[in-house]
Structure formats: structure tokens, C-alpha cells
Amino acid sequence: MKHLFFAALLLGAGRAAGQPSPRQLYPGLFEAVQLGHVYADGKTFVDATPLQPPAAIEQAYQAEHTRPGFDLKAFADAHFRAPGAAAGGYQSDVPAGIRHHLDTLWTVLARRADDAALPAGSSLVPLPHPYIVPGGRFREVYYWDSYFTMLGLVESHRLALVRHMLDNFAYLIGRYGFVPNGNRTYYLTRSQPPFFGAMVALLAQTEGDTVLLRYQAPLLREYCYWMADAAAVPAGQARGPVVRLPDGTLLNRYWDASTAPREESYAEDVAAQQLSAQPAAQFYRNVRAAAASGWDFSSRWFGPAGTLASIQTTDLVPVDLNCLLYRTEQLLARTYALQGNAARARDFQTAAARRARAVLARCWSPQLGWFVDYNWRTRRPAPQPTLAGVYPLAFGLATAPQAQLVAAKLGKDFLKPGGLATTLATTRQQWDAPNAWAPLQWLAVQGLARYQQPALARTVAQRWTALNVRVFEQTGKLLEKYNVVDTQLKAGGGEYPLQDGFGWTNGVLLNLLNHYPAAAPGQ
């Protein structure tokens, strides 16, 4: 396997430099706007379109901001055009029904290929093919969201759009060596849960093995991003996204290359860091790594204090991430087998088997009867169960007895009137109870079905889709997340208001409606 990791080292190196981000373009002005809360949402400014060249705006700010009576909001309004919501003008036709709404939303949330000649200073990274955005404040493509959106596109027979989105991700991998969190300059320091392989496999289910071969190169290069410099990581240490356990086993963690506050949540991060005992760089990296996980934020990432100030994301080997990379290794093995390259196929089969053994050994908690994250520093499994524990079922790593225990705990502890709670901890964080999210419902349903638990799978699907449909009939909206404990209340928590749209909710809902038709009678 040594040559495989040398390949990772070579292919993962030398990523192209990205466009400058807003903080780099507007030193001083950026901090003033974000810390001054000129906009209610910190993402507004970093998404705004500059009306003059960035250098001219920065020069004007330096010349004007010390003058008596300077109005920062007026200056921002004069030099930037603030963005609107992704589907801001759309009005739902509730009487037409949920399926009509879902079909219409694909058009509402679709974006054409971006103009490569964007205004100077735009934070958008242009994509060469059409894509779907989630909705609301999320005006760009998001990596792991897109897999769950694609589930609905496949059900809607919009395979051309699935191919376009895959080609966009392949383009981003070719340009940066990985898929960024989203196609914005301020996201170019981190990725998200690596669902590219799952996307490729999804299209291959319809179009055959040629799809696997078509995307082999970007699939390999993304894998190399996650395994970069693996050969140089000493036992018991970590470097970037790679963790080498004391016995030499290689696993992965979520990672962000930056140690600065997130640009899109700058004021929030600066304020939160002041409450933490961690050095600023360490705290910001842990916060950014949690953003890379997609679970921003959750008690899952917190230390014994149970607060954001104690966040320890980079100390954890996440069970979900390593299941996804296990799937990637399996797919790469298959692509090489299709090409008749038995040696390379065997390398990746071996890597997948080693990763599976490590996940079963480190992430299974017999005390909890559950799969959890593993703290590589303390060499102990995390004490709290979260819905990330369904990934080993969804991707086939779990043993049959483990799957039975997970199913029992799902039904006893996680199952609520509206579906599965994200964690068993009720906090003000949006990735905790009482909130629930479409991707985790779908993964749980798939895992339960895979391990012969059809009744519970149907119950989860039924409760989730019924909640989605009822909220739509009452409000005309499908939402980013839902309160599954008290289904009459909205989901809360997080750094921004509840968003509607919503790409991954739409995709999962249509998939479950089609595969569990009894879940929403009459729909």
C-alpha cells in the first residue's frame, strides 16, 4: 500500500490558488462591516456584488472612514449590491399539491452555468455547468447537500442535471484538488462530507459502469486530498485531515486549512472565541472543521463542558467521514477492476477493509450499543450517541448484531413524532435535539432497510414525510430542518433564521414518497 500513499502525496500537492476572498480584498473595511453588524446576516456582505473594482473601493474606504460623520452602512450600500434570497420571489401553489411543488422547485432553485467573467471581487467561484442551490441565504452550490438533492433529481428523471452537477464537482476537484464547502472564495480552505463517490454511484445505478470509469480520475484525486501526506504522519499523531493511530492504522478527521474566523460568520466567531480557553487559532480551526462536517454546530463536537467554547472537532475521528471514505475506496477498487488492473483494485480493497476494521474497533461502543466518533487524543470513543451512528448501516460496515442494537436504540431513543432527532441532547445548537435533518432521515432509512428492519424504516419515512407535507400544506414551504419532538413548533438554533427552499429536503422527500408510498396517503 505504500505506493498508494505516495500517489496521494503527489496528487494532493500543488493545489491551485483560489481567488482572493472578501477579507483579503477589503482589509479594514471587511472587519468594520462584519464586526459593526452592518448587515443582520454576516453572509450578506461576503456574497454582495462590488459595484467598483475592489482596489478602488478599498482606496475610497481608507480615504473616507476617518472623516467626521462617516456612515459605514451608506458606504457599503454605495459600493456593493446586497444579494437577495435564492428563491425570494417564488410563491407556492399549495392546492396543486406537494408533488407539483417539488417539481416546480427544481426550476426555481436551478442556476445556469456561471459567467466566467464575473464582476471583479465577486466571491462566487464560477461553475461551467448548471446546478441546484439549496435556497434562502444559500445562493451557491453546496457539496454534501447536492447528493440528497440529486436523489430527487433522479426520481424526477432529470439525469442531465445530475450529470451537470457531477461535472461541476469534477471541475472543482481538477482546479482545487477537492470539492470546496461551496462555490465561494471564502469556502476554499475546506471541503464537506465527501459524497462525490456516492453521487457517481447514484448515476451509475441508472447509466451503468461507464459512469464509474468516467469519474475515476476526480474520484481518485479527491481521495488523495483526504489522504495527502499520509505516509509522513507519525503513529499516534495527525496532520491535516489524516490521523494515524498508534498501531499505524490510517483514519481521517474533518479539517480546514485556515485558523482565522470564518468570513461568513466573522462576528459570531470572534465573539465565541472570547469565551474559550483555547488559543484563538486552535478554536477557529475547530469551529471551521465543524463547518466542514456539515454539522455546524452540535454538542457532538464539544468537550466535557458541553459548550461551543470547548469545541474539539479536530480531536475526533468522525464515524460518518470514515464510512464515506470507505465507500470511496470500494468504488476506486471497482473502477480498477473494471479496467483489469488487479493490483490497484487489490490496493483499494485492502485500504477499505483496513478502514472498516478500524471503524468497527474504534467507533463501536458496546456500552451504548451504538457507533460514535473516536477521540484519537484520549484514545476513547465519544460518550454521546448521535445520528451519525447510522452511517455504518447505510454503507454496510456494521455487523448484523450491531445493526440490531442500533435499530433498537433508534426506535427507543431517537424516534420522535416527526422522525429521528439528530442527537439526544437538547441544546440551542441546530444539529441537536429537537431538530432533525433530511439527510440523516434518509441515511437511517437506507441503513435500516439494508439490515432487514423494514418496519422501522417505514415508520421513520412515514413520520418524516407526513411532517414535511403537513408543514407545506400549512405554510407553502419546505424547510431546511424540522422540530420532530414538538411538531407544532419550528426548528430553532443556529447562527441564522430558519431557511426555506430547500434542496436536500426536496430531494429526500420525493425519494421517500416514491419508495414508501404509504408514508403520505393521497400524495
Protein backbone atom coordinates (compact mmCIF):
# COMPACT_ATOMS: atom_id res chain seq x y z
CA MET A 1 0.00 0.00 0.00
CA LYS A 2 2.96 2.35 0.38
CA HIS A 3 2.90 3.38 -3.28
CA LEU A 4 -0.78 4.27 -2.96
CA PHE A 5 0.01 6.82 -0.28
CA PHE A 6 2.92 8.22 -2.26
CA ALA A 7 0.40 8.73 -5.05
CA ALA A 8 -1.81 10.56 -2.56
CA LEU A 9 1.10 12.77 -1.60
CA LEU A 10 1.84 13.69 -5.19
CA LEU A 11 -1.71 14.19 -6.40
CA GLY A 12 -2.81 16.04 -3.29
CA ALA A 13 0.00 18.58 -3.54
CA GLY A 14 0.17 21.74 -5.55
CA ARG A 15 -3.50 22.73 -5.49
CA ALA A 16 -4.29 25.82 -7.48
CA ALA A 17 -4.52 29.04 -5.52
CA GLY A 18 -8.04 30.37 -5.27
CA GLN A 19 -9.47 33.79 -5.94
CA PRO A 20 -8.97 36.31 -3.12
CA SER A 21 -11.72 36.23 -0.51
CA PRO A 22 -13.57 39.34 0.72
CA ARG A 23 -11.37 39.65 3.81
CA GLN A 24 -8.28 39.61 1.61
CA LEU A 25 -9.77 42.14 -0.81
CA TYR A 26 -11.02 44.65 1.74
CA PRO A 27 -8.66 44.75 4.77
CA GLY A 28 -10.10 47.05 7.38
CA LEU A 29 -13.41 47.53 5.58
CA PHE A 30 -14.26 43.85 5.90
CA GLU A 31 -13.70 43.78 9.66
CA ALA A 32 -15.57 47.05 10.16
CA VAL A 33 -18.63 45.82 8.27
CA GLN A 34 -18.75 42.42 9.91
CA LEU A 35 -17.95 43.46 13.47
CA GLY A 36 -20.22 46.50 13.11
CA HIS A 37 -23.14 44.25 12.12
CA VAL A 38 -23.91 46.45 9.13
CA TYR A 39 -25.97 43.53 7.83
CA ALA A 40 -28.09 41.29 10.05
CA ASP A 41 -26.53 38.22 8.44
CA GLY A 42 -22.74 38.09 8.09
CA LYS A 43 -23.13 36.12 4.88
CA THR A 44 -24.76 39.10 3.16
CA PHE A 45 -21.59 41.15 2.82
CA VAL A 46 -19.36 38.31 1.63
CA ASP A 47 -21.96 37.46 -1.04
CA ALA A 48 -22.50 41.06 -2.13
CA THR A 49 -21.51 42.19 -5.62
CA PRO A 50 -18.95 45.02 -5.68
CA LEU A 51 -20.03 47.93 -7.88
CA GLN A 52 -16.47 49.14 -8.48
CA PRO A 53 -13.10 47.35 -8.67
CA PRO A 54 -12.08 46.13 -5.20
CA ALA A 55 -8.93 48.24 -5.14
CA ALA A 56 -10.97 51.38 -5.81
CA ILE A 57 -13.44 50.50 -3.05
CA GLU A 58 -10.66 49.83 -0.56
CA GLN A 59 -8.91 53.08 -1.53
CA ALA A 60 -12.14 55.02 -1.06
CA TYR A 61 -12.71 53.44 2.35
CA GLN A 62 -9.20 54.27 3.55
CA ALA A 63 -9.68 57.86 2.41
CA GLU A 64 -13.15 58.35 3.91
CA HIS A 65 -13.61 56.26 7.04
CA THR A 66 -11.74 58.61 9.39
CA ARG A 67 -13.72 61.67 8.32
CA PRO A 68 -16.30 63.10 10.73
CA GLY A 69 -19.80 61.76 10.10
CA PHE A 70 -18.66 58.77 8.07
CA ASP A 71 -21.61 56.36 7.63
CA LEU A 72 -20.39 52.79 7.17
CA LYS A 73 -23.80 51.45 6.09
CA ALA A 74 -24.18 54.20 3.49
CA PHE A 75 -20.67 53.47 2.22
CA ALA A 76 -21.46 49.76 1.88
CA ASP A 77 -24.73 50.50 0.10
CA ALA A 78 -22.97 52.81 -2.33
CA HIS A 79 -20.24 50.33 -3.23
CA PHE A 80 -21.95 46.92 -3.04
CA ARG A 81 -25.20 45.37 -4.22
CA ALA A 82 -26.56 43.12 -1.50
CA PRO A 83 -27.85 39.71 -2.65
CA GLY A 84 -31.42 38.51 -2.36
CA ALA A 85 -32.73 35.14 -1.21
CA ALA A 86 -32.20 32.29 -3.66
CA ALA A 87 -35.94 31.78 -4.22
CA GLY A 88 -37.14 35.06 -2.82
CA GLY A 89 -39.86 35.84 -5.37
CA TYR A 90 -41.40 32.39 -5.61
CA GLN A 91 -45.00 31.84 -4.44
CA SER A 92 -46.17 28.30 -3.70
CA ASP A 93 -49.34 26.85 -5.17
CA VAL A 94 -50.45 24.78 -2.19
CA PRO A 95 -53.72 23.46 -3.74
CA ALA A 96 -51.69 21.95 -6.61
CA GLY A 97 -50.11 19.54 -4.11
CA ILE A 98 -46.70 18.59 -2.84
CA ARG A 99 -45.52 16.82 -5.99
CA HIS A 100 -46.28 19.83 -8.15
CA HIS A 101 -44.40 21.99 -5.64
CA LEU A 102 -41.38 19.71 -5.72
CA ASP A 103 -41.31 19.63 -9.50
CA THR A 104 -41.56 23.41 -9.69
CA LEU A 105 -38.79 23.94 -7.16
CA TRP A 106 -36.21 22.26 -9.38
CA THR A 107 -36.68 25.15 -11.79
CA VAL A 108 -36.80 27.79 -9.06
CA LEU A 109 -33.58 26.59 -7.41
CA ALA A 110 -31.73 25.84 -10.66
CA ARG A 111 -28.87 28.06 -11.79
CA ARG A 112 -27.41 28.24 -15.26
CA ALA A 113 -23.70 27.88 -15.87
CA ASP A 114 -21.93 30.87 -14.37
CA ASP A 115 -20.39 33.57 -16.47
CA ALA A 116 -16.66 33.10 -16.13
CA ALA A 117 -16.28 36.88 -16.36
CA LEU A 118 -17.89 37.72 -13.04
CA PRO A 119 -17.55 41.25 -11.64
CA ALA A 120 -14.11 41.80 -10.16
CA GLY A 121 -14.20 40.97 -6.48
CA SER A 122 -17.20 38.65 -6.61
CA SER A 123 -16.90 35.85 -4.09
CA LEU A 124 -18.65 33.39 -6.40
CA VAL A 125 -16.45 30.70 -7.92
CA PRO A 126 -17.97 30.24 -11.39
CA LEU A 127 -19.10 26.77 -12.42
CA PRO A 128 -19.18 25.64 -16.05
CA HIS A 129 -22.48 23.72 -15.88
CA PRO A 130 -25.98 24.24 -14.42
CA TYR A 131 -26.62 23.35 -10.79
CA ILE A 132 -29.14 23.48 -7.93
CA VAL A 133 -28.77 25.73 -4.88
CA PRO A 134 -30.39 24.90 -1.53
CA GLY A 135 -32.44 28.11 -1.20
CA GLY A 136 -32.78 31.10 1.09
CA ARG A 137 -29.41 32.54 2.14
CA PHE A 138 -27.65 29.63 0.44
CA ARG A 139 -27.26 31.07 -3.05
CA GLU A 140 -24.44 28.80 -4.23
CA VAL A 141 -23.96 25.08 -4.65
CA TYR A 142 -23.16 23.09 -1.50
CA TYR A 143 -21.20 19.88 -1.62
CA TRP A 144 -22.93 17.31 0.56
CA ASP A 145 -26.34 18.95 0.14
CA SER A 146 -26.13 18.15 -3.55
CA TYR A 147 -26.14 14.37 -3.11
CA PHE A 148 -29.51 14.50 -1.38
CA THR A 149 -30.80 16.97 -3.94
CA MET A 150 -29.71 14.51 -6.63
CA LEU A 151 -31.87 11.80 -5.07
CA GLY A 152 -34.88 13.88 -6.03
CA LEU A 153 -33.49 14.79 -9.45
CA VAL A 154 -33.13 11.09 -10.23
CA GLU A 155 -36.71 10.47 -9.11
CA SER A 156 -37.77 13.36 -11.37
CA HIS A 157 -35.81 11.86 -14.31
CA ARG A 158 -33.63 14.96 -14.54
CA LEU A 159 -30.49 12.97 -15.20
CA ALA A 160 -28.91 15.63 -17.40
CA LEU A 161 -28.86 17.98 -14.42
CA VAL A 162 -27.32 15.25 -12.24
CA ARG A 163 -24.56 14.85 -14.84
CA HIS A 164 -24.03 18.62 -14.96
CA MET A 165 -23.63 18.78 -11.20
CA LEU A 166 -21.20 15.86 -11.20
CA ASP A 167 -19.21 17.58 -13.92
CA ASN A 168 -19.10 20.75 -11.80
CA PHE A 169 -17.70 18.82 -8.86
CA ALA A 170 -15.18 17.10 -11.11
CA TYR A 171 -14.19 20.57 -12.37
CA LEU A 172 -13.70 21.83 -8.81
CA ILE A 173 -11.60 18.78 -7.92
CA GLY A 174 -9.50 19.38 -11.01
CA ARG A 175 -8.99 23.02 -10.10
CA TYR A 176 -8.51 22.80 -6.33
CA GLY A 177 -7.82 19.14 -5.61
CA PHE A 178 -11.04 18.81 -3.62
CA VAL A 179 -14.67 19.92 -3.61
CA PRO A 180 -14.98 23.11 -1.54
CA ASN A 181 -17.77 23.51 1.00
CA GLY A 182 -19.48 25.70 -1.61
CA ASN A 183 -18.51 27.65 -4.71
CA ARG A 184 -17.46 30.78 -2.85
CA THR A 185 -13.94 32.10 -2.34
CA TYR A 186 -14.36 32.09 1.43
CA TYR A 187 -15.02 28.33 1.32
CA LEU A 188 -11.78 27.41 -0.45
CA THR A 189 -10.00 26.28 2.72
CA ARG A 190 -12.30 23.34 3.47
CA SER A 191 -14.41 20.62 1.95
CA GLN A 192 -17.51 18.85 3.30
CA PRO A 193 -18.52 15.20 3.82
CA PRO A 194 -17.12 13.53 0.65
CA PHE A 195 -20.26 12.36 -1.12
CA PHE A 196 -18.75 12.60 -4.62
CA GLY A 197 -18.35 8.82 -4.78
CA ALA A 198 -21.95 8.32 -3.66
CA MET A 199 -23.05 10.75 -6.39
CA VAL A 200 -21.11 8.79 -9.00
CA ALA A 201 -22.61 5.52 -7.77
CA LEU A 202 -26.10 7.05 -7.86
CA LEU A 203 -25.80 7.97 -11.53
CA ALA A 204 -24.16 4.61 -12.30
CA GLN A 205 -27.27 2.84 -11.00
CA THR A 206 -29.11 4.29 -13.98
CA GLU A 207 -26.42 4.67 -16.61
CA GLY A 208 -24.09 1.74 -15.86
CA ASP A 209 -20.43 1.20 -15.06
CA THR A 210 -19.21 3.62 -17.71
CA VAL A 211 -20.08 6.34 -15.21
CA LEU A 212 -17.59 4.90 -12.73
CA LEU A 213 -14.83 4.98 -15.30
CA ARG A 214 -15.73 8.47 -16.48
CA TYR A 215 -15.23 9.90 -12.99
CA GLN A 216 -12.37 7.70 -11.82
CA ALA A 217 -9.74 10.44 -12.09
CA PRO A 218 -11.56 13.07 -9.99
CA LEU A 219 -12.64 10.38 -7.54
CA LEU A 220 -9.00 9.40 -7.06
CA ARG A 221 -7.84 12.98 -6.77
CA GLU A 222 -10.42 13.77 -4.12
CA TYR A 223 -9.33 10.68 -2.19
CA CYS A 224 -5.78 11.94 -2.42
CA TYR A 225 -6.86 15.24 -0.85
CA TRP A 226 -8.14 13.37 2.19
CA MET A 227 -5.02 11.15 2.35
CA ALA A 228 -2.38 13.78 1.47
CA ASP A 229 0.94 13.32 3.32
CA ALA A 230 -0.42 10.18 4.99
CA ALA A 231 2.92 8.38 4.65
CA ALA A 232 4.65 11.14 6.66
CA VAL A 233 2.25 11.18 9.63
CA PRO A 234 3.88 9.53 12.68
CA ALA A 235 1.99 6.95 14.70
CA GLY A 236 -0.30 8.48 17.29
CA GLN A 237 -0.37 11.87 15.54
CA ALA A 238 -2.43 13.78 12.98
CA ARG A 239 -1.64 16.09 10.11
CA GLY A 240 -4.28 17.89 8.11
CA PRO A 241 -7.24 15.56 7.59
CA VAL A 242 -5.16 12.41 8.26
CA VAL A 243 -4.94 10.65 11.63
CA ARG A 244 -2.51 7.76 12.20
CA LEU A 245 -3.43 5.69 15.23
CA PRO A 246 -0.69 4.23 17.47
CA ASP A 247 -0.92 0.88 15.66
CA GLY A 248 -0.33 2.60 12.32
CA THR A 249 -3.96 2.49 11.14
CA LEU A 250 -4.94 5.48 8.99
CA LEU A 251 -8.25 7.23 9.53
CA ASN A 252 -9.50 10.75 8.85
CA ARG A 253 -10.90 13.81 10.54
CA TYR A 254 -12.65 16.96 9.35
CA TRP A 255 -10.26 19.79 8.61
CA ASP A 256 -9.97 23.38 7.45
CA ALA A 257 -6.68 24.86 6.31
CA SER A 258 -7.38 28.23 7.95
CA THR A 259 -7.06 29.35 11.57
CA ALA A 260 -8.97 32.63 11.14
CA PRO A 261 -12.64 33.35 11.93
CA ARG A 262 -15.00 32.24 9.20
CA GLU A 263 -15.64 35.17 6.87
CA GLU A 264 -19.36 34.41 6.54
CA SER A 265 -19.75 34.25 10.36
CA TYR A 266 -16.93 36.55 11.35
CA ALA A 267 -18.54 38.45 14.21
CA GLU A 268 -20.03 35.27 15.67
CA ASP A 269 -16.67 33.51 15.68
CA VAL A 270 -14.82 36.46 17.21
CA ALA A 271 -17.40 36.70 20.00
CA ALA A 272 -17.39 32.95 20.63
CA GLN A 273 -13.60 32.77 20.80
CA GLN A 274 -13.56 35.26 23.66
CA LEU A 275 -15.43 32.71 25.77
CA SER A 276 -12.99 29.90 25.05
CA ALA A 277 -9.82 28.99 26.92
CA GLN A 278 -8.33 27.62 23.71
CA PRO A 279 -5.74 29.65 21.79
CA ALA A 280 -7.52 31.62 19.11
CA ALA A 281 -6.02 29.68 16.18
CA GLN A 282 -6.97 26.35 17.74
CA PHE A 283 -10.52 27.48 18.47
CA TYR A 284 -11.09 28.88 14.99
CA ARG A 285 -9.76 25.72 13.36
CA ASN A 286 -12.07 23.57 15.47
CA VAL A 287 -15.02 25.76 14.53
CA ARG A 288 -14.06 25.62 10.85
CA ALA A 289 -13.61 21.84 10.99
CA ALA A 290 -17.13 21.56 12.41
CA ALA A 291 -18.35 23.64 9.48
CA ALA A 292 -16.54 21.21 7.17
CA SER A 293 -18.52 18.38 8.78
CA GLY A 294 -21.81 20.00 7.81
CA TRP A 295 -22.87 19.74 11.48
CA ASP A 296 -22.34 23.36 12.45
CA PHE A 297 -22.92 23.22 15.30
CA SER A 298 -23.65 20.25 17.55
CA SER A 299 -22.81 19.04 21.04
CA ARG A 300 -21.25 16.16 19.09
CA TRP A 301 -18.11 18.29 18.72
CA PHE A 302 -17.96 19.72 22.24
CA GLY A 303 -15.69 18.73 25.10
CA PRO A 304 -16.85 17.74 28.60
CA ALA A 305 -18.07 21.30 29.27
CA GLY A 306 -20.71 20.79 26.58
CA THR A 307 -20.34 24.29 25.12
CA LEU A 308 -19.09 25.80 21.90
CA ALA A 309 -16.15 27.20 23.88
CA SER A 310 -14.98 23.61 24.43
CA ILE A 311 -15.23 22.57 20.78
CA GLN A 312 -12.74 19.81 19.88
CA THR A 313 -13.63 18.79 16.33
CA THR A 314 -10.07 18.08 15.24
CA ASP A 315 -9.55 15.68 18.16
CA LEU A 316 -12.25 13.40 16.81
CA VAL A 317 -12.22 10.69 14.15
CA PRO A 318 -15.79 11.02 12.85
CA VAL A 319 -17.66 7.82 12.10
CA ASP A 320 -19.56 9.36 9.16
CA LEU A 321 -16.48 10.70 7.38
CA ASN A 322 -14.70 7.37 7.58
CA CYS A 323 -17.72 5.48 6.28
CA LEU A 324 -17.79 7.81 3.27
CA LEU A 325 -14.08 7.27 2.61
CA TYR A 326 -14.62 3.52 2.97
CA ARG A 327 -17.21 3.83 0.21
CA THR A 328 -14.75 5.82 -1.90
CA GLU A 329 -12.09 3.13 -1.50
CA GLN A 330 -14.60 0.48 -2.54
CA LEU A 331 -15.57 2.46 -5.63
CA LEU A 332 -11.97 3.06 -6.63
CA ALA A 333 -11.29 -0.67 -6.28
CA ARG A 334 -14.23 -1.32 -8.56
CA THR A 335 -13.06 1.14 -11.21
CA TYR A 336 -9.65 -0.51 -11.36
CA ALA A 337 -11.23 -3.95 -11.51
CA LEU A 338 -13.32 -2.78 -14.46
CA GLN A 339 -10.10 -1.71 -16.17
CA GLY A 340 -8.48 -5.06 -15.48
CA ASN A 341 -5.91 -3.52 -13.12
CA ALA A 342 -6.00 -6.21 -10.43
CA ALA A 343 -3.07 -4.82 -8.42
CA ARG A 344 -4.61 -1.37 -7.96
CA ALA A 345 -8.03 -2.88 -7.29
CA ARG A 346 -6.47 -5.01 -4.59
CA ASP A 347 -4.76 -1.96 -3.03
CA PHE A 348 -8.04 -0.17 -2.58
CA GLN A 349 -9.88 -3.28 -1.44
CA THR A 350 -7.22 -3.66 1.23
CA ALA A 351 -7.50 0.00 2.22
CA ALA A 352 -11.29 -0.32 2.52
CA ALA A 353 -11.03 -3.48 4.60
CA ARG A 354 -8.50 -1.88 6.96
CA ARG A 355 -10.65 1.19 7.39
CA ALA A 356 -13.73 -0.94 8.09
CA ARG A 357 -11.88 -2.92 10.76
CA ALA A 358 -10.67 0.30 12.37
CA VAL A 359 -14.15 1.83 12.42
CA LEU A 360 -15.58 -1.32 13.99
CA ALA A 361 -12.78 -1.44 16.55
CA ARG A 362 -12.64 2.28 17.49
CA CYS A 363 -16.11 3.67 16.80
CA TRP A 364 -18.34 0.91 18.18
CA SER A 365 -19.41 1.43 21.78
CA PRO A 366 -20.67 -1.82 23.36
CA GLN A 367 -21.86 0.19 26.36
CA LEU A 368 -24.09 2.38 24.21
CA GLY A 369 -24.88 -0.22 21.55
CA TRP A 370 -24.05 2.50 19.06
CA PHE A 371 -21.44 3.82 16.64
CA VAL A 372 -19.78 7.02 17.87
CA ASP A 373 -16.83 9.23 16.98
CA TYR A 374 -13.40 8.29 18.35
CA ASN A 375 -11.18 10.73 20.23
CA TRP A 376 -7.70 9.97 18.92
CA ARG A 377 -6.01 12.05 21.61
CA THR A 378 -7.65 10.38 24.62
CA ARG A 379 -7.93 7.07 22.71
CA ARG A 380 -11.54 6.70 23.77
CA PRO A 381 -14.87 6.62 21.95
CA ALA A 382 -17.03 9.70 22.37
CA PRO A 383 -19.57 9.32 25.17
CA GLN A 384 -22.62 10.71 23.37
CA PRO A 385 -24.63 8.92 20.65
CA THR A 386 -25.66 10.95 17.59
CA LEU A 387 -27.46 10.12 14.40
CA ALA A 388 -24.09 9.89 12.66
CA GLY A 389 -24.17 6.37 14.10
CA VAL A 390 -26.42 5.21 11.23
CA TYR A 391 -23.66 5.65 8.62
CA PRO A 392 -22.12 2.19 9.23
CA LEU A 393 -25.54 0.70 8.46
CA ALA A 394 -26.15 2.86 5.41
CA PHE A 395 -22.73 1.93 3.96
CA GLY A 396 -22.68 -1.70 5.05
CA LEU A 397 -19.85 -1.69 7.61
CA ALA A 398 -21.90 -2.84 10.60
CA THR A 399 -22.26 -6.47 11.63
CA ALA A 400 -25.77 -7.90 11.83
CA PRO A 401 -25.78 -7.93 15.69
CA GLN A 402 -24.54 -4.32 15.77
CA ALA A 403 -27.27 -3.29 13.32
CA GLN A 404 -29.90 -4.88 15.55
CA LEU A 405 -28.67 -2.90 18.54
CA VAL A 406 -28.59 0.33 16.54
CA ALA A 407 -32.14 -0.29 15.30
CA ALA A 408 -33.33 -0.92 18.86
CA LYS A 409 -31.79 2.34 20.10
CA LEU A 410 -33.17 4.26 17.12
CA GLY A 411 -36.67 3.10 17.96
CA LYS A 412 -36.33 3.60 21.70
CA ASP A 413 -34.34 6.83 21.99
CA PHE A 414 -34.11 8.71 18.69
CA LEU A 415 -37.56 8.15 17.18
CA LYS A 416 -39.88 11.09 17.82
CA PRO A 417 -43.33 12.04 16.49
CA GLY A 418 -41.82 13.74 13.42
CA GLY A 419 -38.87 11.43 12.70
CA LEU A 420 -35.39 10.92 14.15
CA ALA A 421 -33.79 13.54 16.39
CA THR A 422 -30.22 14.44 15.46
CA THR A 423 -28.86 13.84 18.97
CA LEU A 424 -30.25 13.06 22.40
CA ALA A 425 -29.00 16.39 23.79
CA THR A 426 -31.43 19.31 23.79
CA THR A 427 -29.35 22.44 23.25
CA ARG A 428 -29.53 25.71 21.38
CA GLN A 429 -27.37 24.20 18.61
CA GLN A 430 -29.16 23.44 15.36
CA TRP A 431 -27.60 19.97 14.98
CA ASP A 432 -29.02 18.76 18.28
CA ALA A 433 -32.46 17.78 19.56
CA PRO A 434 -35.22 18.67 18.96
CA ASN A 435 -34.08 19.30 15.38
CA ALA A 436 -33.96 16.83 12.53
CA TRP A 437 -32.49 16.99 9.04
CA ALA A 438 -33.46 15.27 5.80
CA PRO A 439 -30.05 13.68 5.01
CA LEU A 440 -29.92 11.80 8.30
CA GLN A 441 -33.50 10.56 7.96
CA TRP A 442 -32.70 9.14 4.53
CA LEU A 443 -29.46 7.52 5.64
CA ALA A 444 -31.21 5.93 8.61
CA VAL A 445 -33.99 4.58 6.39
CA GLN A 446 -31.44 3.15 3.96
CA GLY A 447 -29.42 1.57 6.75
CA LEU A 448 -32.47 0.01 8.38
CA ALA A 449 -33.69 -1.39 5.07
CA ARG A 450 -30.22 -2.76 4.31
CA TYR A 451 -30.16 -4.70 7.60
CA GLN A 452 -33.68 -6.13 7.33
CA GLN A 453 -35.50 -3.66 9.57
CA PRO A 454 -38.31 -2.71 7.13
CA ALA A 455 -40.94 -1.84 9.75
CA LEU A 456 -38.80 0.75 11.48
CA ALA A 457 -37.55 2.09 8.15
CA ARG A 458 -41.15 2.62 7.06
CA THR A 459 -42.06 4.26 10.38
CA VAL A 460 -39.22 6.77 10.09
CA ALA A 461 -40.13 7.53 6.47
CA GLN A 462 -43.81 7.86 7.35
CA ARG A 463 -43.31 10.25 10.23
CA TRP A 464 -40.80 12.40 8.36
CA THR A 465 -42.74 12.77 5.12
CA ALA A 466 -46.00 13.36 6.98
CA LEU A 467 -44.36 16.23 8.88
CA ASN A 468 -42.90 17.71 5.68
CA VAL A 469 -46.22 17.54 3.87
CA ARG A 470 -48.24 18.96 6.76
CA VAL A 471 -45.90 21.95 7.15
CA PHE A 472 -46.09 22.55 3.40
CA GLU A 473 -49.89 22.47 3.46
CA GLN A 474 -49.91 24.96 6.34
CA THR A 475 -47.19 27.33 5.14
CA GLY A 476 -46.49 26.64 1.47
CA LYS A 477 -42.86 25.91 2.34
CA LEU A 478 -40.40 23.07 2.70
CA LEU A 479 -37.75 23.83 5.28
CA GLU A 480 -34.06 23.26 5.89
CA LYS A 481 -34.74 21.44 9.19
CA TYR A 482 -37.69 20.46 11.38
CA ASN A 483 -38.59 20.11 15.05
CA VAL A 484 -39.51 16.43 15.36
CA VAL A 485 -40.18 16.44 19.10
CA ASP A 486 -42.93 19.08 19.11
CA THR A 487 -44.07 19.10 15.51
CA GLN A 488 -46.19 22.21 16.05
CA LEU A 489 -43.06 24.28 16.68
CA LYS A 490 -40.42 25.42 14.22
CA ALA A 491 -36.86 24.18 14.39
CA GLY A 492 -34.51 26.68 16.00
CA GLY A 493 -30.92 27.26 16.97
CA GLY A 494 -28.04 28.09 14.71
CA GLU A 495 -26.49 31.35 13.54
CA TYR A 496 -29.25 32.36 11.11
CA PRO A 497 -33.06 32.17 10.78
CA LEU A 498 -34.77 29.01 9.58
CA GLN A 499 -34.37 28.75 5.81
CA ASP A 500 -36.92 27.58 3.26
CA GLY A 501 -36.32 26.18 -0.19
CA PHE A 502 -34.88 23.64 0.39
CA GLY A 503 -32.71 21.47 -1.83
CA TRP A 504 -31.97 18.44 0.29
CA THR A 505 -35.39 18.39 1.93
CA ASN A 506 -36.97 18.33 -1.52
CA GLY A 507 -34.76 15.52 -2.78
CA VAL A 508 -35.20 13.27 0.23
CA LEU A 509 -38.94 13.90 0.43
CA LEU A 510 -39.55 12.91 -3.19
CA ASN A 511 -37.36 9.83 -2.84
CA LEU A 512 -39.19 8.66 0.27
CA LEU A 513 -42.62 9.44 -1.17
CA ASN A 514 -41.82 7.23 -4.15
CA HIS A 515 -40.21 4.39 -2.20
CA TYR A 516 -42.58 4.46 0.77
CA PRO A 517 -45.86 5.47 -0.89
CA ALA A 518 -47.88 4.71 2.23
CA ALA A 519 -45.86 7.33 4.04
CA ALA A 520 -48.14 10.15 2.87
CA PRO A 521 -51.54 8.79 1.79
CA GLY A 522 -53.10 10.59 -1.11
CA GLN A 523 -49.89 12.30 -2.18
